[in-house]
Amino acid sequence: MKARYQVKTVVFLCIFREIEGCHQVLLQLRQNTGYMDGKYDFAVSGHVESGESMLQAIIRETKEEADLIINPEKCIFLTFVDDTYERYHKGFFGVREYEGVPKVMEPDKCAGYIWADLNNLPKNIIPYLPKVLRNISLKIPYDDEKFSLQQHITNCSY
């Protein structure tokens, strides 16, 4: 029997706000995780557990990591990255409304939060995040690093 391709599913929450015309996203500084430590990542991320949907996972992770409550009806799906290099399916969700104040609940993994201007992201950000944010702003729903989706969408006639 042929072995099937196996991937893990990870979800990310992009928490956005606008202050005096400045569009911002909440980022966390990763530490002690073994992956991209010392770099900024979206404020909330985590693995989808068995029997859990991506939306259920992001709601759970948001409470666990940032002590925020998000209404599933206010949480929107933004984009999906099919990362065959790292063998992950990455689902990105976004919110502008939530209950609570972002609080570091896992200080062993997160050195703190910053609100970053979308037009002036920190230099020590995880390298693929600017592309994800670009895809979100262009409303590109799917990204596959081995295929130019932008060109496909442009040439597609549905």
N, C-alpha and C. Protein backbone atom coordinates (compact mmCIF):
# COMPACT_ATOMS: atom_id res chain seq x y z
N MET A 1 0.84 -1.18 0.00
CA MET A 1 0.00 0.00 0.00
C MET A 1 0.89 1.25 0.00
N LYS A 2 0.56 2.19 -0.84
CA LYS A 2 1.31 3.43 -0.97
C LYS A 2 1.06 4.33 0.25
N ALA A 3 2.15 4.85 0.82
CA ALA A 3 2.02 5.76 1.96
C ALA A 3 1.47 7.10 1.48
N ARG A 4 0.54 7.64 2.22
CA ARG A 4 -0.06 8.93 1.87
C ARG A 4 0.73 10.06 2.50
N TYR A 5 0.67 11.20 1.87
CA TYR A 5 1.33 12.40 2.36
C TYR A 5 0.67 12.83 3.67
N GLN A 6 1.48 13.05 4.68
CA GLN A 6 0.97 13.42 6.00
C GLN A 6 1.38 14.85 6.33
N VAL A 7 0.44 15.64 6.82
CA VAL A 7 0.72 17.01 7.24
C VAL A 7 0.05 17.29 8.58
N LYS A 8 0.57 18.30 9.27
CA LYS A 8 -0.05 18.78 10.49
C LYS A 8 -0.82 20.05 10.12
N THR A 9 -1.83 20.38 10.91
CA THR A 9 -2.60 21.60 10.68
C THR A 9 -2.36 22.57 11.83
N VAL A 10 -2.03 23.80 11.46
CA VAL A 10 -1.76 24.85 12.42
C VAL A 10 -2.67 26.03 12.09
N VAL A 11 -3.12 26.72 13.13
CA VAL A 11 -3.95 27.91 12.94
C VAL A 11 -3.25 29.13 13.55
N PHE A 12 -3.55 30.28 12.96
CA PHE A 12 -2.98 31.55 13.41
C PHE A 12 -4.11 32.56 13.51
N LEU A 13 -4.01 33.45 14.51
CA LEU A 13 -4.99 34.52 14.63
C LEU A 13 -4.30 35.86 14.40
N CYS A 14 -4.82 36.60 13.45
CA CYS A 14 -4.36 37.96 13.17
C CYS A 14 -5.33 38.89 13.88
N ILE A 15 -4.85 39.56 14.91
CA ILE A 15 -5.67 40.51 15.65
C ILE A 15 -5.31 41.89 15.12
N PHE A 16 -6.30 42.54 14.50
CA PHE A 16 -6.07 43.83 13.87
C PHE A 16 -6.75 44.95 14.64
N ARG A 17 -6.19 46.15 14.51
CA ARG A 17 -6.83 47.35 15.03
C ARG A 17 -6.37 48.54 14.17
N GLU A 18 -7.14 49.61 14.30
CA GLU A 18 -6.76 50.87 13.64
C GLU A 18 -6.73 51.96 14.70
N ILE A 19 -5.61 52.63 14.81
CA ILE A 19 -5.42 53.73 15.74
C ILE A 19 -4.99 54.95 14.94
N GLU A 20 -5.83 56.00 14.96
CA GLU A 20 -5.52 57.26 14.26
C GLU A 20 -5.04 57.02 12.83
N GLY A 21 -5.76 56.17 12.12
CA GLY A 21 -5.45 55.89 10.71
C GLY A 21 -4.31 54.91 10.49
N CYS A 22 -3.70 54.42 11.57
CA CYS A 22 -2.60 53.46 11.47
C CYS A 22 -3.16 52.05 11.65
N HIS A 23 -2.99 51.21 10.65
CA HIS A 23 -3.47 49.82 10.71
C HIS A 23 -2.38 48.96 11.35
N GLN A 24 -2.78 48.23 12.39
CA GLN A 24 -1.82 47.47 13.18
C GLN A 24 -2.26 46.01 13.34
N VAL A 25 -1.27 45.17 13.61
CA VAL A 25 -1.50 43.76 13.91
C VAL A 25 -0.74 43.44 15.19
N LEU A 26 -1.33 42.61 16.03
CA LEU A 26 -0.69 42.21 17.28
C LEU A 26 0.27 41.05 17.01
N LEU A 27 1.51 41.22 17.44
CA LEU A 27 2.54 40.20 17.25
C LEU A 27 3.10 39.77 18.59
N GLN A 28 3.57 38.52 18.64
CA GLN A 28 4.24 38.01 19.83
C GLN A 28 5.70 37.74 19.49
N LEU A 29 6.57 37.93 20.48
CA LEU A 29 7.99 37.61 20.32
C LEU A 29 8.21 36.19 20.84
N ARG A 30 8.57 35.29 19.95
CA ARG A 30 8.73 33.87 20.29
C ARG A 30 10.01 33.65 21.10
N GLN A 31 9.93 32.72 22.05
CA GLN A 31 11.12 32.32 22.81
C GLN A 31 10.96 30.89 23.30
N ASN A 32 12.06 30.16 23.40
CA ASN A 32 12.11 28.81 23.99
C ASN A 32 11.19 27.79 23.33
N THR A 33 10.88 27.97 22.04
CA THR A 33 10.00 27.02 21.36
C THR A 33 10.77 26.07 20.45
N GLY A 34 11.99 26.46 20.08
CA GLY A 34 12.75 25.65 19.14
C GLY A 34 12.44 25.99 17.69
N TYR A 35 11.51 26.94 17.46
CA TYR A 35 11.16 27.36 16.10
C TYR A 35 11.10 28.88 16.05
N MET A 36 12.00 29.47 15.30
CA MET A 36 12.01 30.91 15.05
C MET A 36 12.01 31.74 16.34
N ASP A 37 12.70 31.23 17.36
CA ASP A 37 12.81 32.00 18.59
C ASP A 37 13.52 33.32 18.32
N GLY A 38 13.08 34.38 19.01
CA GLY A 38 13.66 35.70 18.80
C GLY A 38 13.03 36.45 17.64
N LYS A 39 12.02 35.86 17.03
CA LYS A 39 11.33 36.51 15.91
C LYS A 39 9.87 36.75 16.29
N TYR A 40 9.29 37.75 15.63
CA TYR A 40 7.88 38.06 15.86
C TYR A 40 6.99 37.17 15.00
N ASP A 41 5.90 36.74 15.59
CA ASP A 41 4.91 35.87 14.97
C ASP A 41 3.54 36.49 15.25
N PHE A 42 2.51 35.99 14.60
CA PHE A 42 1.17 36.44 14.95
C PHE A 42 0.93 36.13 16.43
N ALA A 43 0.08 36.92 17.06
CA ALA A 43 -0.11 36.85 18.51
C ALA A 43 -0.53 35.47 19.00
N VAL A 44 -1.29 34.76 18.20
CA VAL A 44 -1.82 33.46 18.62
C VAL A 44 -1.60 32.46 17.50
N SER A 45 -1.13 31.27 17.87
CA SER A 45 -1.00 30.18 16.91
C SER A 45 -0.99 28.86 17.67
N GLY A 46 -1.30 27.80 16.96
CA GLY A 46 -1.26 26.49 17.61
C GLY A 46 -1.74 25.38 16.72
N HIS A 47 -1.47 24.18 17.14
CA HIS A 47 -1.86 22.98 16.39
C HIS A 47 -3.33 22.66 16.61
N VAL A 48 -3.96 22.16 15.56
CA VAL A 48 -5.33 21.68 15.65
C VAL A 48 -5.27 20.28 16.26
N GLU A 49 -6.06 20.06 17.29
CA GLU A 49 -6.07 18.78 17.98
C GLU A 49 -7.08 17.83 17.32
N SER A 50 -6.93 16.55 17.59
CA SER A 50 -7.81 15.53 17.03
C SER A 50 -9.27 15.84 17.34
N GLY A 51 -10.12 15.80 16.33
CA GLY A 51 -11.55 16.03 16.50
C GLY A 51 -11.94 17.49 16.55
N GLU A 52 -10.99 18.38 16.34
CA GLU A 52 -11.22 19.81 16.46
C GLU A 52 -11.20 20.46 15.07
N SER A 53 -12.07 21.43 14.84
CA SER A 53 -12.01 22.19 13.59
C SER A 53 -10.95 23.28 13.74
N MET A 54 -10.57 23.88 12.63
CA MET A 54 -9.60 24.98 12.70
C MET A 54 -10.18 26.14 13.51
N LEU A 55 -11.46 26.44 13.33
CA LEU A 55 -12.09 27.53 14.07
C LEU A 55 -12.12 27.23 15.57
N GLN A 56 -12.48 26.01 15.93
CA GLN A 56 -12.47 25.64 17.35
C GLN A 56 -11.07 25.76 17.93
N ALA A 57 -10.06 25.36 17.16
CA ALA A 57 -8.68 25.43 17.63
C ALA A 57 -8.24 26.87 17.87
N ILE A 58 -8.59 27.79 16.97
CA ILE A 58 -8.14 29.17 17.14
C ILE A 58 -8.85 29.83 18.32
N ILE A 59 -10.09 29.47 18.56
CA ILE A 59 -10.80 30.00 19.73
C ILE A 59 -10.15 29.48 21.01
N ARG A 60 -9.84 28.20 21.05
CA ARG A 60 -9.18 27.60 22.22
C ARG A 60 -7.79 28.21 22.44
N GLU A 61 -7.00 28.26 21.37
CA GLU A 61 -5.63 28.79 21.48
C GLU A 61 -5.63 30.25 21.93
N THR A 62 -6.60 31.03 21.46
CA THR A 62 -6.66 32.45 21.82
C THR A 62 -6.88 32.61 23.32
N LYS A 63 -7.74 31.80 23.90
CA LYS A 63 -7.97 31.84 25.35
C LYS A 63 -6.73 31.36 26.10
N GLU A 64 -6.13 30.26 25.63
CA GLU A 64 -4.96 29.68 26.31
C GLU A 64 -3.74 30.60 26.26
N GLU A 65 -3.50 31.22 25.11
CA GLU A 65 -2.26 31.97 24.91
C GLU A 65 -2.37 33.46 25.24
N ALA A 66 -3.53 34.07 25.01
CA ALA A 66 -3.65 35.52 25.16
C ALA A 66 -4.75 35.94 26.13
N ASP A 67 -5.46 34.97 26.70
CA ASP A 67 -6.56 35.24 27.64
C ASP A 67 -7.64 36.13 27.02
N LEU A 68 -7.88 35.92 25.73
CA LEU A 68 -8.93 36.67 25.03
C LEU A 68 -10.05 35.72 24.63
N ILE A 69 -11.26 36.25 24.64
CA ILE A 69 -12.42 35.49 24.18
C ILE A 69 -12.86 36.10 22.86
N ILE A 70 -12.96 35.23 21.85
CA ILE A 70 -13.44 35.70 20.55
C ILE A 70 -14.74 35.00 20.21
N ASN A 71 -15.64 35.77 19.64
CA ASN A 71 -16.91 35.25 19.19
C ASN A 71 -16.68 34.59 17.83
N PRO A 72 -17.05 33.33 17.66
CA PRO A 72 -16.82 32.66 16.37
C PRO A 72 -17.45 33.41 15.20
N GLU A 73 -18.53 34.14 15.45
CA GLU A 73 -19.18 34.88 14.37
C GLU A 73 -18.39 36.12 13.97
N LYS A 74 -17.48 36.57 14.82
CA LYS A 74 -16.64 37.74 14.52
C LYS A 74 -15.27 37.34 13.99
N CYS A 75 -14.98 36.04 14.00
CA CYS A 75 -13.70 35.53 13.55
C CYS A 75 -13.84 35.12 12.09
N ILE A 76 -13.05 35.74 11.22
CA ILE A 76 -13.19 35.44 9.79
C ILE A 76 -11.97 34.69 9.27
N PHE A 77 -12.22 33.80 8.33
CA PHE A 77 -11.14 33.08 7.66
C PHE A 77 -10.48 34.03 6.67
N LEU A 78 -9.15 34.10 6.68
CA LEU A 78 -8.43 35.04 5.83
C LEU A 78 -7.69 34.38 4.67
N THR A 79 -6.90 33.35 4.96
CA THR A 79 -6.13 32.70 3.91
C THR A 79 -5.62 31.36 4.40
N PHE A 80 -5.14 30.56 3.48
CA PHE A 80 -4.65 29.22 3.78
C PHE A 80 -3.32 29.03 3.06
N VAL A 81 -2.33 28.50 3.76
CA VAL A 81 -1.03 28.23 3.16
C VAL A 81 -0.79 26.73 3.19
N ASP A 82 -0.55 26.17 2.02
CA ASP A 82 -0.22 24.75 1.88
C ASP A 82 1.30 24.66 1.85
N ASP A 83 1.90 24.49 3.02
CA ASP A 83 3.35 24.52 3.17
C ASP A 83 3.90 23.10 3.07
N THR A 84 4.21 22.68 1.85
CA THR A 84 4.72 21.33 1.65
C THR A 84 6.17 21.20 2.09
N TYR A 85 6.89 22.32 2.16
CA TYR A 85 8.29 22.28 2.62
C TYR A 85 8.35 21.89 4.10
N GLU A 86 7.57 22.57 4.94
CA GLU A 86 7.56 22.26 6.37
C GLU A 86 6.50 21.22 6.72
N ARG A 87 5.70 20.82 5.74
CA ARG A 87 4.65 19.82 5.90
C ARG A 87 3.57 20.27 6.89
N TYR A 88 3.06 21.47 6.64
CA TYR A 88 1.98 22.03 7.45
C TYR A 88 0.90 22.61 6.56
N HIS A 89 -0.33 22.45 7.00
CA HIS A 89 -1.44 23.23 6.47
C HIS A 89 -1.64 24.35 7.47
N LYS A 90 -1.62 25.59 6.99
CA LYS A 90 -1.69 26.75 7.87
C LYS A 90 -2.93 27.57 7.56
N GLY A 91 -3.84 27.63 8.53
CA GLY A 91 -5.06 28.41 8.38
C GLY A 91 -4.94 29.72 9.16
N PHE A 92 -5.24 30.84 8.49
CA PHE A 92 -5.13 32.16 9.11
C PHE A 92 -6.51 32.77 9.26
N PHE A 93 -6.82 33.18 10.49
CA PHE A 93 -8.09 33.80 10.82
C PHE A 93 -7.81 35.22 11.31
N GLY A 94 -8.84 36.05 11.30
CA GLY A 94 -8.66 37.42 11.75
C GLY A 94 -9.84 37.90 12.59
N VAL A 95 -9.53 38.81 13.52
CA VAL A 95 -10.56 39.47 14.33
C VAL A 95 -10.16 40.93 14.54
N ARG A 96 -11.18 41.74 14.75
CA ARG A 96 -10.99 43.13 15.17
C ARG A 96 -11.68 43.35 16.51
N GLU A 97 -12.58 42.44 16.86
CA GLU A 97 -13.32 42.55 18.12
C GLU A 97 -13.06 41.31 18.96
N TYR A 98 -12.86 41.54 20.25
CA TYR A 98 -12.62 40.44 21.19
C TYR A 98 -12.90 40.95 22.59
N GLU A 99 -13.03 40.03 23.52
CA GLU A 99 -13.24 40.39 24.92
C GLU A 99 -11.93 40.20 25.68
N GLY A 100 -11.56 41.21 26.46
CA GLY A 100 -10.36 41.12 27.27
C GLY A 100 -9.25 42.01 26.75
N VAL A 101 -8.13 41.92 27.44
CA VAL A 101 -6.91 42.64 27.07
C VAL A 101 -5.84 41.58 26.82
N PRO A 102 -5.12 41.65 25.69
CA PRO A 102 -4.09 40.63 25.43
C PRO A 102 -3.11 40.50 26.60
N LYS A 103 -2.97 39.28 27.06
CA LYS A 103 -2.11 38.98 28.21
C LYS A 103 -1.26 37.76 27.88
N VAL A 104 0.01 37.83 28.17
CA VAL A 104 0.90 36.69 27.92
C VAL A 104 0.58 35.59 28.93
N MET A 105 0.01 34.50 28.44
CA MET A 105 -0.38 33.39 29.32
C MET A 105 0.66 32.27 29.33
N GLU A 106 1.58 32.31 28.36
CA GLU A 106 2.64 31.31 28.27
C GLU A 106 4.00 32.03 28.22
N PRO A 107 4.42 32.62 29.36
CA PRO A 107 5.65 33.41 29.35
C PRO A 107 6.91 32.61 29.03
N ASP A 108 6.82 31.30 29.13
CA ASP A 108 7.96 30.47 28.75
C ASP A 108 8.14 30.43 27.22
N LYS A 109 7.07 30.72 26.46
CA LYS A 109 7.12 30.67 25.00
C LYS A 109 7.00 32.04 24.34
N CYS A 110 6.47 33.01 25.07
CA CYS A 110 6.21 34.34 24.51
C CYS A 110 6.85 35.40 25.40
N ALA A 111 7.76 36.19 24.80
CA ALA A 111 8.47 37.23 25.55
C ALA A 111 7.67 38.53 25.64
N GLY A 112 6.53 38.59 24.94
CA GLY A 112 5.69 39.78 25.00
C GLY A 112 5.01 40.08 23.68
N TYR A 113 4.09 41.04 23.73
CA TYR A 113 3.33 41.45 22.56
C TYR A 113 3.70 42.87 22.15
N ILE A 114 3.57 43.14 20.87
CA ILE A 114 3.66 44.51 20.36
C ILE A 114 2.56 44.70 19.32
N TRP A 115 2.07 45.94 19.20
CA TRP A 115 1.20 46.29 18.09
C TRP A 115 2.11 46.84 17.00
N ALA A 116 2.15 46.18 15.85
CA ALA A 116 3.03 46.57 14.76
C ALA A 116 2.23 47.22 13.64
N ASP A 117 2.77 48.31 13.14
CA ASP A 117 2.20 49.00 11.98
C ASP A 117 2.35 48.07 10.77
N LEU A 118 1.27 47.83 10.06
CA LEU A 118 1.32 46.93 8.90
C LEU A 118 2.25 47.44 7.81
N ASN A 119 2.54 48.73 7.81
CA ASN A 119 3.46 49.30 6.82
C ASN A 119 4.88 49.43 7.34
N ASN A 120 5.12 48.99 8.56
CA ASN A 120 6.45 49.10 9.16
C ASN A 120 6.64 47.94 10.14
N LEU A 121 6.69 46.73 9.60
CA LEU A 121 6.83 45.54 10.44
C LEU A 121 8.24 45.44 11.00
N PRO A 122 8.40 44.81 12.16
CA PRO A 122 9.73 44.66 12.74
C PRO A 122 10.66 43.87 11.80
N LYS A 123 11.93 44.15 11.87
CA LYS A 123 12.91 43.45 11.02
C LYS A 123 13.05 41.98 11.41
N ASN A 124 12.87 41.69 12.69
CA ASN A 124 13.01 40.31 13.16
C ASN A 124 11.65 39.60 13.20
N ILE A 125 10.95 39.65 12.08
CA ILE A 125 9.65 38.96 11.95
C ILE A 125 9.89 37.64 11.23
N ILE A 126 9.07 36.65 11.51
CA ILE A 126 9.18 35.37 10.80
C ILE A 126 9.10 35.67 9.30
N PRO A 127 10.02 35.16 8.50
CA PRO A 127 10.15 35.57 7.10
C PRO A 127 8.90 35.45 6.24
N TYR A 128 8.05 34.46 6.44
CA TYR A 128 6.89 34.31 5.56
C TYR A 128 5.69 35.18 5.96
N LEU A 129 5.73 35.81 7.15
CA LEU A 129 4.57 36.60 7.59
C LEU A 129 4.24 37.79 6.69
N PRO A 130 5.23 38.55 6.20
CA PRO A 130 4.87 39.64 5.28
C PRO A 130 4.12 39.15 4.04
N LYS A 131 4.49 37.96 3.53
CA LYS A 131 3.78 37.40 2.36
C LYS A 131 2.35 37.04 2.75
N VAL A 132 2.16 36.47 3.93
CA VAL A 132 0.81 36.13 4.40
C VAL A 132 -0.02 37.41 4.51
N LEU A 133 0.55 38.44 5.11
CA LEU A 133 -0.19 39.70 5.25
C LEU A 133 -0.51 40.31 3.88
N ARG A 134 0.41 40.16 2.93
CA ARG A 134 0.15 40.63 1.57
C ARG A 134 -1.00 39.84 0.95
N ASN A 135 -0.99 38.52 1.11
CA ASN A 135 -2.07 37.68 0.59
C ASN A 135 -3.41 38.09 1.19
N ILE A 136 -3.40 38.39 2.49
CA ILE A 136 -4.63 38.81 3.17
C ILE A 136 -5.12 40.13 2.57
N SER A 137 -4.21 41.09 2.40
CA SER A 137 -4.63 42.40 1.87
C SER A 137 -5.13 42.29 0.43
N LEU A 138 -4.58 41.33 -0.33
CA LEU A 138 -5.02 41.14 -1.72
C LEU A 138 -6.17 40.15 -1.84
N LYS A 139 -6.63 39.62 -0.69
CA LYS A 139 -7.72 38.65 -0.63
C LYS A 139 -7.41 37.37 -1.42
N ILE A 140 -6.15 36.93 -1.33
CA ILE A 140 -5.73 35.67 -1.94
C ILE A 140 -6.05 34.57 -0.94
N PRO A 141 -6.99 33.67 -1.24
CA PRO A 141 -7.45 32.71 -0.25
C PRO A 141 -6.54 31.49 -0.04
N TYR A 142 -5.64 31.25 -0.99
CA TYR A 142 -4.83 30.03 -0.93
C TYR A 142 -3.45 30.32 -1.48
N ASP A 143 -2.44 29.79 -0.79
CA ASP A 143 -1.06 29.97 -1.24
C ASP A 143 -0.36 28.63 -1.22
N ASP A 144 0.31 28.35 -2.32
CA ASP A 144 1.10 27.14 -2.48
C ASP A 144 2.45 27.58 -3.00
N GLU A 145 3.50 27.38 -2.22
CA GLU A 145 4.80 27.91 -2.62
C GLU A 145 5.32 27.31 -3.92
N LYS A 146 4.71 26.26 -4.41
CA LYS A 146 5.18 25.64 -5.65
C LYS A 146 4.36 26.05 -6.87
N PHE A 147 3.40 26.95 -6.67
CA PHE A 147 2.51 27.33 -7.75
C PHE A 147 2.15 28.79 -7.61
N SER A 148 2.21 29.53 -8.70
CA SER A 148 1.90 30.96 -8.64
C SER A 148 0.39 31.15 -8.69
N LEU A 149 -0.23 31.24 -7.52
CA LEU A 149 -1.68 31.41 -7.47
C LEU A 149 -2.11 32.74 -8.03
N GLN A 150 -1.32 33.79 -7.80
CA GLN A 150 -1.67 35.11 -8.32
C GLN A 150 -1.88 35.04 -9.83
N GLN A 151 -0.96 34.37 -10.52
CA GLN A 151 -1.07 34.23 -11.98
C GLN A 151 -2.27 33.37 -12.33
N HIS A 152 -2.50 32.31 -11.58
CA HIS A 152 -3.65 31.43 -11.83
C HIS A 152 -4.96 32.17 -11.69
N ILE A 153 -5.09 32.99 -10.64
CA ILE A 153 -6.32 33.74 -10.43
C ILE A 153 -6.54 34.71 -11.58
N THR A 154 -5.46 35.38 -12.01
CA THR A 154 -5.56 36.35 -13.09
C THR A 154 -6.00 35.68 -14.39
N ASN A 155 -5.52 34.48 -14.65
CA ASN A 155 -5.81 33.78 -15.91
C ASN A 155 -7.04 32.90 -15.85
N CYS A 156 -7.67 32.81 -14.69
CA CYS A 156 -8.80 31.90 -14.51
C CYS A 156 -10.11 32.56 -14.92
N SER A 157 -10.95 31.81 -15.61
CA SER A 157 -12.26 32.36 -16.00
C SER A 157 -13.35 31.42 -15.50
N TYR A 158 -13.94 31.76 -14.40
CA TYR A 158 -15.01 30.94 -13.83
C TYR A 158 -16.35 31.47 -14.28
